[in-house]
Amino acid sequence: MSATTAPECRAEKWTPPLDADGLKFVLARVIVWKPLDVEEIFDDLDTAIGNQPPPVATTAALVERLRGHLKQLSDITVADAKYPPTDEMVGLIERGLPLRAEPTPANHQQAVALARRLAFVTSDLVEKLIEARYIKGAQ
């Protein structure tokens, strides 16, 4: 009786997709990542464009949060090449870019005006993303 041996299978050596620097970069991004909180966005929109202007003490922080919301929503909008954004979404992102770069004015009324401009663009973009099912609305 002769013993047959299976042919030797040679698998290619696995190489990781990222080197140490690439992994450090990914880790740094994961550490600072903040999940999207649609309810928080709507709360900030209400504060910015509600019936009462935001208080002097919190306006600068509100502007920064709105910038962050707009950036996060913009990133979500263009994140997946399989689902490209609509022209309207792209237009909202483009409208938001100079607002995100604009320094926060020291004058309270001007800061409130910036917060409201950011809020209107953010509001429009979040609604378009919910409509297109890129994100879920507030529960």
Protein backbone atom coordinates (compact mmCIF):
# COMPACT_ATOMS: atom_id res chain seq x y z
CA MET A 1 0.00 0.00 0.00
CA SER A 2 1.46 3.29 -0.96
CA ALA A 3 0.82 6.41 0.98
CA THR A 4 -0.10 9.40 -1.10
CA THR A 5 0.69 12.80 0.16
CA ALA A 6 -1.29 15.85 -0.54
CA PRO A 7 0.39 18.45 -2.67
CA GLU A 8 2.11 21.08 -0.62
CA CYS A 9 0.06 24.26 -0.41
CA ARG A 10 2.04 27.45 -0.40
CA ALA A 11 0.18 30.46 0.95
CA GLU A 12 1.59 33.89 0.48
CA LYS A 13 3.00 35.47 3.59
CA TRP A 14 0.49 37.89 5.12
CA THR A 15 1.53 41.49 5.38
CA PRO A 16 -0.40 43.94 7.53
CA PRO A 17 -2.28 46.67 5.66
CA LEU A 18 -0.61 49.43 7.70
CA ASP A 19 2.84 50.00 9.10
CA ALA A 20 3.46 51.24 12.66
CA ASP A 21 2.99 54.91 11.69
CA GLY A 22 -0.28 54.10 9.91
CA LEU A 23 -1.56 52.23 12.96
CA LYS A 24 -0.59 55.14 15.24
CA PHE A 25 -2.51 57.50 12.97
CA VAL A 26 -5.62 55.27 13.07
CA LEU A 27 -5.36 54.92 16.85
CA ALA A 28 -5.08 58.69 17.30
CA ARG A 29 -8.22 59.17 15.18
CA VAL A 30 -10.15 56.52 17.11
CA ILE A 31 -9.19 58.04 20.46
CA VAL A 32 -10.62 61.46 19.56
CA TRP A 33 -13.60 60.07 17.61
CA LYS A 34 -16.95 61.22 18.86
CA PRO A 35 -20.11 59.39 17.75
CA LEU A 36 -22.78 61.46 16.07
CA ASP A 37 -25.41 62.63 18.55
CA VAL A 38 -28.35 63.95 16.52
CA GLU A 39 -30.24 64.99 19.67
CA GLU A 40 -27.29 67.13 20.76
CA ILE A 41 -27.22 68.73 17.30
CA PHE A 42 -30.92 69.57 17.51
CA ASP A 43 -30.46 70.97 21.04
CA ASP A 44 -27.69 73.26 19.80
CA LEU A 45 -29.75 74.29 16.77
CA ASP A 46 -32.62 75.18 19.08
CA THR A 47 -30.27 77.22 21.27
CA ALA A 48 -28.86 79.09 18.27
CA ILE A 49 -32.07 79.78 16.35
CA GLY A 50 -34.70 79.49 19.05
CA ASN A 51 -36.81 82.33 20.43
CA GLN A 52 -34.12 83.59 22.83
CA PRO A 53 -30.56 84.45 21.81
CA PRO A 54 -27.91 82.33 23.54
CA PRO A 55 -26.42 83.85 26.71
CA VAL A 56 -23.19 85.81 26.42
CA ALA A 57 -21.30 83.29 28.56
CA THR A 58 -22.11 80.30 26.32
CA THR A 59 -22.18 81.79 22.81
CA ALA A 60 -18.52 81.10 21.95
CA ALA A 61 -18.84 77.47 23.08
CA LEU A 62 -22.05 77.14 21.05
CA VAL A 63 -20.29 78.43 17.93
CA GLU A 64 -17.51 75.85 18.43
CA ARG A 65 -20.01 73.01 18.89
CA LEU A 66 -21.90 74.08 15.75
CA ARG A 67 -18.61 74.11 13.81
CA GLY A 68 -17.95 70.60 15.06
CA HIS A 69 -21.43 69.39 14.13
CA LEU A 70 -21.11 70.88 10.65
CA LYS A 71 -17.69 69.31 10.12
CA GLN A 72 -18.89 65.91 11.31
CA LEU A 73 -21.98 66.06 9.10
CA SER A 74 -19.87 67.20 6.14
CA ASP A 75 -17.50 64.28 6.67
CA ILE A 76 -20.43 61.85 6.80
CA THR A 77 -21.84 63.35 3.61
CA VAL A 78 -18.73 62.57 1.55
CA ALA A 79 -17.51 59.46 3.41
CA ASP A 80 -18.80 56.73 1.08
CA ALA A 81 -17.99 56.91 -2.62
CA LYS A 82 -20.73 54.34 -3.30
CA TYR A 83 -23.30 56.89 -2.14
CA PRO A 84 -22.17 60.25 -3.48
CA PRO A 85 -23.80 63.37 -2.04
CA THR A 86 -26.44 65.24 -3.96
CA ASP A 87 -25.63 68.63 -5.49
CA GLU A 88 -27.70 70.21 -2.73
CA MET A 89 -25.63 68.48 -0.04
CA VAL A 90 -22.40 69.58 -1.72
CA GLY A 91 -23.74 73.14 -1.87
CA LEU A 92 -24.46 73.08 1.86
CA ILE A 93 -20.96 71.81 2.61
CA GLU A 94 -19.50 74.57 0.46
CA ARG A 95 -21.66 77.18 2.22
CA GLY A 96 -20.43 75.91 5.55
CA LEU A 97 -16.69 75.97 4.80
CA PRO A 98 -16.18 79.74 5.15
CA LEU A 99 -18.45 79.81 8.21
CA ARG A 100 -16.38 77.11 9.90
CA ALA A 101 -13.21 79.10 9.19
CA GLU A 102 -14.61 82.45 10.33
CA PRO A 103 -13.20 83.54 13.70
CA THR A 104 -15.70 83.94 16.51
CA PRO A 105 -16.36 87.66 16.96
CA ALA A 106 -15.81 89.19 20.40
CA ASN A 107 -19.03 91.19 20.02
CA HIS A 108 -21.95 89.14 21.37
CA GLN A 109 -24.45 90.15 18.67
CA GLN A 110 -21.98 89.30 15.91
CA ALA A 111 -21.18 85.97 17.60
CA VAL A 112 -24.90 85.18 17.80
CA ALA A 113 -25.23 86.05 14.10
CA LEU A 114 -22.39 83.63 13.26
CA ALA A 115 -23.98 80.94 15.43
CA ARG A 116 -27.27 81.38 13.59
CA ARG A 117 -25.65 81.22 10.15
CA LEU A 118 -23.85 78.04 11.19
CA ALA A 119 -27.09 76.67 12.64
CA PHE A 120 -29.09 77.28 9.45
CA VAL A 121 -26.54 75.46 7.28
CA THR A 122 -26.21 72.66 9.84
CA SER A 123 -29.98 72.33 10.09
CA ASP A 124 -30.38 72.08 6.33
CA LEU A 125 -27.58 69.53 6.03
CA VAL A 126 -28.78 67.32 8.88
CA GLU A 127 -32.29 67.28 7.39
CA LYS A 128 -30.93 66.29 3.94
CA LEU A 129 -28.86 63.51 5.51
CA ILE A 130 -31.86 62.18 7.44
CA GLU A 131 -34.02 62.33 4.28
CA ALA A 132 -31.38 60.45 2.29
CA ARG A 133 -30.96 57.96 5.16
CA TYR A 134 -27.27 58.70 5.62
CA ILE A 135 -28.06 59.12 9.33
CA LYS A 136 -30.98 58.39 11.63
CA GLY A 137 -33.06 61.19 13.11
CA ALA A 138 -33.45 61.82 16.81
CA GLN A 139 -35.28 59.04 18.62
